[in-house]
Amino acid sequence: MSASDAIARTPKPPYYAVIFTSARTDGDNGYAAAADRMVELAHQQPGFLGIESAREGVGITVCYRDSLESIAA
């Protein structure tokens, strides 16, 4: 799954969402590669449930986690 894929398939609540935002500039400037790497790393972490993002004008990524402990880790 890449950063441009949507919508995360999350389990029945409760679960947690961590939201990342970024100001976009003209041109890619490495943003796509960094976003793809972030998704790759997120998948490797215990407690990862899914991820989705939007990149129009502002970058917004939501990473779903199973616990507050997995967010802290």
PDB file of N, CA and C in Angstrom:
ATOM      1  N   MET A   1       0.844  -1.180   0.000  1.00  0.00           N
ATOM      2  CA  MET A   1       0.000   0.000   0.000  1.00  0.00           C
ATOM      3  C   MET A   1       0.885   1.237   0.000  1.00  0.00           C
ATOM      4  N   SER A   2       0.633   2.171  -0.879  1.00  0.00           N
ATOM      5  CA  SER A   2       1.435   3.389  -0.921  1.00  0.00           C
ATOM      6  C   SER A   2       0.708   4.521  -0.218  1.00  0.00           C
ATOM      7  N   ALA A   3       1.407   5.626  -0.031  1.00  0.00           N
ATOM      8  CA  ALA A   3       0.824   6.777   0.656  1.00  0.00           C
ATOM      9  C   ALA A   3      -0.364   7.347  -0.091  1.00  0.00           C
ATOM     10  N   SER A   4      -0.471   7.072  -1.383  1.00  0.00           N
ATOM     11  CA  SER A   4      -1.584   7.622  -2.149  1.00  0.00           C
ATOM     12  C   SER A   4      -2.827   6.736  -2.118  1.00  0.00           C
ATOM     13  N   ASP A   5      -2.721   5.530  -1.555  1.00  0.00           N
ATOM     14  CA  ASP A   5      -3.878   4.648  -1.452  1.00  0.00           C
ATOM     15  C   ASP A   5      -4.790   5.120  -0.332  1.00  0.00           C
ATOM     16  N   ALA A   6      -6.082   4.912  -0.497  1.00  0.00           N
ATOM     17  CA  ALA A   6      -7.040   5.276   0.534  1.00  0.00           C
ATOM     18  C   ALA A   6      -8.120   4.220   0.505  1.00  0.00           C
ATOM     19  N   ILE A   7      -8.786   4.029   1.278  1.00  0.00           N
ATOM     20  CA  ILE A   7      -9.169   4.350   2.634  1.00  0.00           C
ATOM     21  C   ILE A   7      -8.737   3.163   3.492  1.00  0.00           C
ATOM     22  N   ALA A   8      -8.192   3.461   4.656  1.00  0.00           N
ATOM     23  CA  ALA A   8      -7.688   2.415   5.538  1.00  0.00           C
ATOM     24  C   ALA A   8      -8.827   1.510   5.999  1.00  0.00           C
ATOM     25  N   ARG A   9      -8.545   0.241   6.070  1.00  0.00           N
ATOM     26  CA  ARG A   9      -9.521  -0.724   6.589  1.00  0.00           C
ATOM     27  C   ARG A   9      -9.212  -0.936   8.060  1.00  0.00           C
ATOM     28  N   THR A  10      -9.922  -0.226   8.890  1.00  0.00           N
ATOM     29  CA  THR A  10      -9.679  -0.292  10.326  1.00  0.00           C
ATOM     30  C   THR A  10     -10.652  -1.264  10.979  1.00  0.00           C
ATOM     31  N   PRO A  11     -10.266  -1.798  12.127  1.00  0.00           N
ATOM     32  CA  PRO A  11     -11.166  -2.711  12.833  1.00  0.00           C
ATOM     33  C   PRO A  11     -12.269  -1.926  13.539  1.00  0.00           C
ATOM     34  N   LYS A  12     -13.136  -2.660  14.175  1.00  0.00           N
ATOM     35  CA  LYS A  12     -14.173  -2.030  14.986  1.00  0.00           C
ATOM     36  C   LYS A  12     -13.494  -1.221  16.097  1.00  0.00           C
ATOM     37  N   PRO A  13     -13.953   0.005  16.359  1.00  0.00           N
ATOM     38  CA  PRO A  13     -13.356   0.821  17.425  1.00  0.00           C
ATOM     39  C   PRO A  13     -13.423   0.096  18.761  1.00  0.00           C
ATOM     40  N   PRO A  14     -12.555   0.406  19.694  1.00  0.00           N
ATOM     41  CA  PRO A  14     -11.710   1.603  19.694  1.00  0.00           C
ATOM     42  C   PRO A  14     -10.363   1.379  19.013  1.00  0.00           C
ATOM     43  N   TYR A  15      -9.887   2.418  18.396  1.00  0.00           N
ATOM     44  CA  TYR A  15      -8.536   2.502  17.864  1.00  0.00           C
ATOM     45  C   TYR A  15      -8.181   3.979  17.838  1.00  0.00           C
ATOM     46  N   TYR A  16      -6.967   4.299  17.480  1.00  0.00           N
ATOM     47  CA  TYR A  16      -6.475   5.667  17.557  1.00  0.00           C
ATOM     48  C   TYR A  16      -5.989   6.144  16.194  1.00  0.00           C
ATOM     49  N   ALA A  17      -6.057   7.452  15.983  1.00  0.00           N
ATOM     50  CA  ALA A  17      -5.571   8.054  14.747  1.00  0.00           C
ATOM     51  C   ALA A  17      -4.509   9.090  15.093  1.00  0.00           C
ATOM     52  N   VAL A  18      -3.364   8.994  14.427  1.00  0.00           N
ATOM     53  CA  VAL A  18      -2.292   9.983  14.547  1.00  0.00           C
ATOM     54  C   VAL A  18      -2.300  10.764  13.241  1.00  0.00           C
ATOM     55  N   ILE A  19      -2.381  12.079  13.326  1.00  0.00           N
ATOM     56  CA  ILE A  19      -2.532  12.915  12.139  1.00  0.00           C
ATOM     57  C   ILE A  19      -1.272  13.750  11.932  1.00  0.00           C
ATOM     58  N   PHE A  20      -0.709  13.650  10.738  1.00  0.00           N
ATOM     59  CA  PHE A  20       0.471  14.423  10.344  1.00  0.00           C
ATOM     60  C   PHE A  20       0.040  15.406   9.272  1.00  0.00           C
ATOM     61  N   THR A  21       0.496  16.647   9.369  1.00  0.00           N
ATOM     62  CA  THR A  21       0.217  17.626   8.317  1.00  0.00           C
ATOM     63  C   THR A  21       1.522  18.219   7.822  1.00  0.00           C
ATOM     64  N   SER A  22       1.501  18.687   6.578  1.00  0.00           N
ATOM     65  CA  SER A  22       2.678  19.345   6.022  1.00  0.00           C
ATOM     66  C   SER A  22       2.230  20.409   5.037  1.00  0.00           C
ATOM     67  N   ALA A  23       2.975  21.508   4.997  1.00  0.00           N
ATOM     68  CA  ALA A  23       2.713  22.568   4.021  1.00  0.00           C
ATOM     69  C   ALA A  23       3.379  22.162   2.719  1.00  0.00           C
ATOM     70  N   ARG A  24       2.626  22.163   1.638  1.00  0.00           N
ATOM     71  CA  ARG A  24       3.165  21.784   0.342  1.00  0.00           C
ATOM     72  C   ARG A  24       3.747  23.007  -0.359  1.00  0.00           C
ATOM     73  N   THR A  25       4.750  22.776  -1.169  1.00  0.00           N
ATOM     74  CA  THR A  25       5.375  23.825  -1.972  1.00  0.00           C
ATOM     75  C   THR A  25       5.246  23.452  -3.437  1.00  0.00           C
ATOM     76  N   ASP A  26       5.582  24.364  -4.312  1.00  0.00           N
ATOM     77  CA  ASP A  26       5.571  24.041  -5.739  1.00  0.00           C
ATOM     78  C   ASP A  26       6.582  22.938  -6.010  1.00  0.00           C
ATOM     79  N   GLY A  27       6.197  21.969  -6.808  1.00  0.00           N
ATOM     80  CA  GLY A  27       7.091  20.850  -7.109  1.00  0.00           C
ATOM     81  C   GLY A  27       7.040  19.809  -6.016  1.00  0.00           C
ATOM     82  N   ASP A  28       7.587  18.666  -6.312  1.00  0.00           N
ATOM     83  CA  ASP A  28       7.567  17.554  -5.363  1.00  0.00           C
ATOM     84  C   ASP A  28       8.615  17.714  -4.268  1.00  0.00           C
ATOM     85  N   ASN A  29       9.823  18.145  -4.644  1.00  0.00           N
ATOM     86  CA  ASN A  29      10.906  18.378  -3.679  1.00  0.00           C
ATOM     87  C   ASN A  29      11.160  17.193  -2.744  1.00  0.00           C
ATOM     88  N   GLY A  30      10.952  15.975  -3.242  1.00  0.00           N
ATOM     89  CA  GLY A  30      11.206  14.780  -2.441  1.00  0.00           C
ATOM     90  C   GLY A  30      10.055  14.359  -1.551  1.00  0.00           C
ATOM     91  N   TYR A  31       8.935  15.083  -1.609  1.00  0.00           N
ATOM     92  CA  TYR A  31       7.809  14.780  -0.729  1.00  0.00           C
ATOM     93  C   TYR A  31       7.283  13.357  -0.943  1.00  0.00           C
ATOM     94  N   ALA A  32       7.070  12.959  -2.192  1.00  0.00           N
ATOM     95  CA  ALA A  32       6.494  11.636  -2.479  1.00  0.00           C
ATOM     96  C   ALA A  32       7.379  10.520  -1.949  1.00  0.00           C
ATOM     97  N   ALA A  33       8.679  10.634  -2.136  1.00  0.00           N
ATOM     98  CA  ALA A  33       9.607   9.606  -1.645  1.00  0.00           C
ATOM     99  C   ALA A  33       9.577   9.544  -0.119  1.00  0.00           C
ATOM    100  N   ALA A  34       9.548  10.698   0.533  1.00  0.00           N
ATOM    101  CA  ALA A  34       9.504  10.737   2.001  1.00  0.00           C
ATOM    102  C   ALA A  34       8.185  10.149   2.507  1.00  0.00           C
ATOM    103  N   ALA A  35       7.077  10.469   1.845  1.00  0.00           N
ATOM    104  CA  ALA A  35       5.776   9.941   2.246  1.00  0.00           C
ATOM    105  C   ALA A  35       5.730   8.424   2.067  1.00  0.00           C
ATOM    106  N   ASP A  36       6.257   7.927   0.963  1.00  0.00           N
ATOM    107  CA  ASP A  36       6.296   6.485   0.736  1.00  0.00           C
ATOM    108  C   ASP A  36       7.148   5.776   1.778  1.00  0.00           C
ATOM    109  N   ARG A  37       8.259   6.390   2.160  1.00  0.00           N
ATOM    110  CA  ARG A  37       9.125   5.804   3.194  1.00  0.00           C
ATOM    111  C   ARG A  37       8.421   5.797   4.544  1.00  0.00           C
ATOM    112  N   MET A  38       7.676   6.856   4.847  1.00  0.00           N
ATOM    113  CA  MET A  38       6.934   6.920   6.105  1.00  0.00           C
ATOM    114  C   MET A  38       5.915   5.782   6.166  1.00  0.00           C
ATOM    115  N   VAL A  39       5.230   5.517   5.055  1.00  0.00           N
ATOM    116  CA  VAL A  39       4.261   4.425   5.008  1.00  0.00           C
ATOM    117  C   VAL A  39       4.967   3.086   5.216  1.00  0.00           C
ATOM    118  N   GLU A  40       6.087   2.902   4.555  1.00  0.00           N
ATOM    119  CA  GLU A  40       6.860   1.657   4.692  1.00  0.00           C
ATOM    120  C   GLU A  40       7.256   1.423   6.146  1.00  0.00           C
ATOM    121  N   LEU A  41       7.763   2.446   6.804  1.00  0.00           N
ATOM    122  CA  LEU A  41       8.175   2.327   8.205  1.00  0.00           C
ATOM    123  C   LEU A  41       6.980   2.104   9.130  1.00  0.00           C
ATOM    124  N   ALA A  42       5.872   2.778   8.862  1.00  0.00           N
ATOM    125  CA  ALA A  42       4.677   2.617   9.691  1.00  0.00           C
ATOM    126  C   ALA A  42       4.178   1.177   9.660  1.00  0.00           C
ATOM    127  N   HIS A  43       4.205   0.551   8.483  1.00  0.00           N
ATOM    128  CA  HIS A  43       3.775  -0.845   8.338  1.00  0.00           C
ATOM    129  C   HIS A  43       4.599  -1.800   9.198  1.00  0.00           C
ATOM    130  N   GLN A  44       5.833  -1.456   9.480  1.00  0.00           N
ATOM    131  CA  GLN A  44       6.737  -2.331  10.225  1.00  0.00           C
ATOM    132  C   GLN A  44       6.553  -2.242  11.734  1.00  0.00           C
ATOM    133  N   GLN A  45       5.818  -1.257  12.204  1.00  0.00           N
ATOM    134  CA  GLN A  45       5.691  -1.029  13.637  1.00  0.00           C
ATOM    135  C   GLN A  45       4.519  -1.814  14.231  1.00  0.00           C
ATOM    136  N   PRO A  46       4.731  -2.439  15.401  1.00  0.00           N
ATOM    137  CA  PRO A  46       3.620  -3.113  16.072  1.00  0.00           C
ATOM    138  C   PRO A  46       2.492  -2.122  16.356  1.00  0.00           C
ATOM    139  N   GLY A  47       1.269  -2.572  16.192  1.00  0.00           N
ATOM    140  CA  GLY A  47       0.110  -1.735  16.471  1.00  0.00           C
ATOM    141  C   GLY A  47      -0.411  -0.983  15.266  1.00  0.00           C
ATOM    142  N   PHE A  48       0.271  -1.083  14.127  1.00  0.00           N
ATOM    143  CA  PHE A  48      -0.169  -0.410  12.904  1.00  0.00           C
ATOM    144  C   PHE A  48      -1.454  -1.053  12.395  1.00  0.00           C
ATOM    145  N   LEU A  49      -2.457  -0.230  12.061  1.00  0.00           N
ATOM    146  CA  LEU A  49      -3.726  -0.733  11.532  1.00  0.00           C
ATOM    147  C   LEU A  49      -3.997  -0.294  10.100  1.00  0.00           C
ATOM    148  N   GLY A  50      -3.504   0.870   9.716  1.00  0.00           N
ATOM    149  CA  GLY A  50      -3.759   1.368   8.372  1.00  0.00           C
ATOM    150  C   GLY A  50      -3.311   2.809   8.254  1.00  0.00           C
ATOM    151  N   ILE A  51      -3.315   3.307   7.033  1.00  0.00           N
ATOM    152  CA  ILE A  51      -2.863   4.673   6.783  1.00  0.00           C
ATOM    153  C   ILE A  51      -3.583   5.203   5.549  1.00  0.00           C
ATOM    154  N   GLU A  52      -3.851   6.501   5.548  1.00  0.00           N
ATOM    155  CA  GLU A  52      -4.424   7.154   4.375  1.00  0.00           C
ATOM    156  C   GLU A  52      -3.924   8.594   4.335  1.00  0.00           C
ATOM    157  N   SER A  53      -3.908   9.171   3.141  1.00  0.00           N
ATOM    158  CA  SER A  53      -3.397  10.532   3.032  1.00  0.00           C
ATOM    159  C   SER A  53      -4.025  11.276   1.867  1.00  0.00           C
ATOM    160  N   ALA A  54      -3.910  12.596   1.944  1.00  0.00           N
ATOM    161  CA  ALA A  54      -4.352  13.501   0.880  1.00  0.00           C
ATOM    162  C   ALA A  54      -3.231  14.507   0.677  1.00  0.00           C
ATOM    163  N   ARG A  55      -3.008  14.897  -0.574  1.00  0.00           N
ATOM    164  CA  ARG A  55      -1.872  15.768  -0.883  1.00  0.00           C
ATOM    165  C   ARG A  55      -2.253  16.930  -1.795  1.00  0.00           C
ATOM    166  N   GLU A  56      -3.364  17.546  -1.603  1.00  0.00           N
ATOM    167  CA  GLU A  56      -3.770  18.675  -2.439  1.00  0.00           C
ATOM    168  C   GLU A  56      -3.602  19.969  -1.648  1.00  0.00           C
ATOM    169  N   GLY A  57      -2.581  20.741  -1.965  1.00  0.00           N
ATOM    170  CA  GLY A  57      -2.345  22.016  -1.278  1.00  0.00           C
ATOM    171  C   GLY A  57      -1.670  21.850   0.061  1.00  0.00           C
ATOM    172  N   VAL A  58      -2.198  20.967   0.871  1.00  0.00           N
ATOM    173  CA  VAL A  58      -1.594  20.635   2.155  1.00  0.00           C
ATOM    174  C   VAL A  58      -1.521  19.110   2.208  1.00  0.00           C
ATOM    175  N   GLY A  59      -0.475  18.593   2.835  1.00  0.00           N
ATOM    176  CA  GLY A  59      -0.375  17.149   2.999  1.00  0.00           C
ATOM    177  C   GLY A  59      -0.991  16.757   4.327  1.00  0.00           C
ATOM    178  N   ILE A  60      -1.892  15.791   4.304  1.00  0.00           N
ATOM    179  CA  ILE A  60      -2.507  15.277   5.527  1.00  0.00           C
ATOM    180  C   ILE A  60      -2.417  13.760   5.470  1.00  0.00           C
ATOM    181  N   THR A  61      -1.815  13.176   6.491  1.00  0.00           N
ATOM    182  CA  THR A  61      -1.723  11.727   6.598  1.00  0.00           C
ATOM    183  C   THR A  61      -2.308  11.304   7.927  1.00  0.00           C
ATOM    184  N   VAL A  62      -3.152  10.288   7.902  1.00  0.00           N
ATOM    185  CA  VAL A  62      -3.740   9.726   9.116  1.00  0.00           C
ATOM    186  C   VAL A  62      -3.233   8.298   9.236  1.00  0.00           C
ATOM    187  N   CYS A  63      -2.602   8.009  10.358  1.00  0.00           N
ATOM    188  CA  CYS A  63      -2.081   6.669  10.640  1.00  0.00           C
ATOM    189  C   CYS A  63      -2.890   6.090  11.797  1.00  0.00           C
ATOM    190  N   TYR A  64      -3.522   4.942  11.561  1.00  0.00           N
ATOM    191  CA  TYR A  64      -4.365   4.310  12.573  1.00  0.00           C
ATOM    192  C   TYR A  64      -3.544   3.311  13.383  1.00  0.00           C
ATOM    193  N   ARG A  65      -3.722   3.375  14.706  1.00  0.00           N
ATOM    194  CA  ARG A  65      -2.959   2.541  15.637  1.00  0.00           C
ATOM    195  C   ARG A  65      -3.912   1.834  16.592  1.00  0.00           C
ATOM    196  N   ASP A  66      -3.460   0.714  17.168  1.00  0.00           N
ATOM    197  CA  ASP A  66      -4.335  -0.065  18.036  1.00  0.00           C
ATOM    198  C   ASP A  66      -4.300   0.356  19.505  1.00  0.00           C
ATOM    199  N   SER A  67      -3.320   1.183  19.898  1.00  0.00           N
ATOM    200  CA  SER A  67      -3.227   1.554  21.309  1.00  0.00           C
ATOM    201  C   SER A  67      -2.403   2.823  21.483  1.00  0.00           C
ATOM    202  N   LEU A  68      -2.569   3.445  22.626  1.00  0.00           N
ATOM    203  CA  LEU A  68      -1.742   4.612  22.945  1.00  0.00           C
ATOM    204  C   LEU A  68      -0.286   4.197  23.113  1.00  0.00           C
ATOM    205  N   GLU A  69      -0.060   2.980  23.585  1.00  0.00           N
ATOM    206  CA  GLU A  69       1.299   2.484  23.751  1.00  0.00           C
ATOM    207  C   GLU A  69       2.016   2.351  22.404  1.00  0.00           C
ATOM    208  N   SER A  70       1.302   1.906  21.380  1.00  0.00           N
ATOM    209  CA  SER A  70       1.936   1.770  20.062  1.00  0.00           C
ATOM    210  C   SER A  70       2.258   3.142  19.464  1.00  0.00           C
ATOM    211  N   ILE A  71       1.457   4.150  19.801  1.00  0.00           N
ATOM    212  CA  ILE A  71       1.769   5.513  19.360  1.00  0.00           C
ATOM    213  C   ILE A  71       3.029   6.005  20.054  1.00  0.00           C
ATOM    214  N   ALA A  72       3.125   5.796  21.347  1.00  0.00           N
ATOM    215  CA  ALA A  72       4.287   6.257  22.115  1.00  0.00           C
ATOM    216  C   ALA A  72       5.573   5.583  21.650  1.00  0.00           C
ATOM    217  N   ALA A  73       5.454   4.308  21.251  1.00  0.00           N
ATOM    218  CA  ALA A  73       6.655   3.567  20.827  1.00  0.00           C
ATOM    219  C   ALA A  73       7.167   4.119  19.513  1.00  0.00           C
TER     220      ALA A  73
END
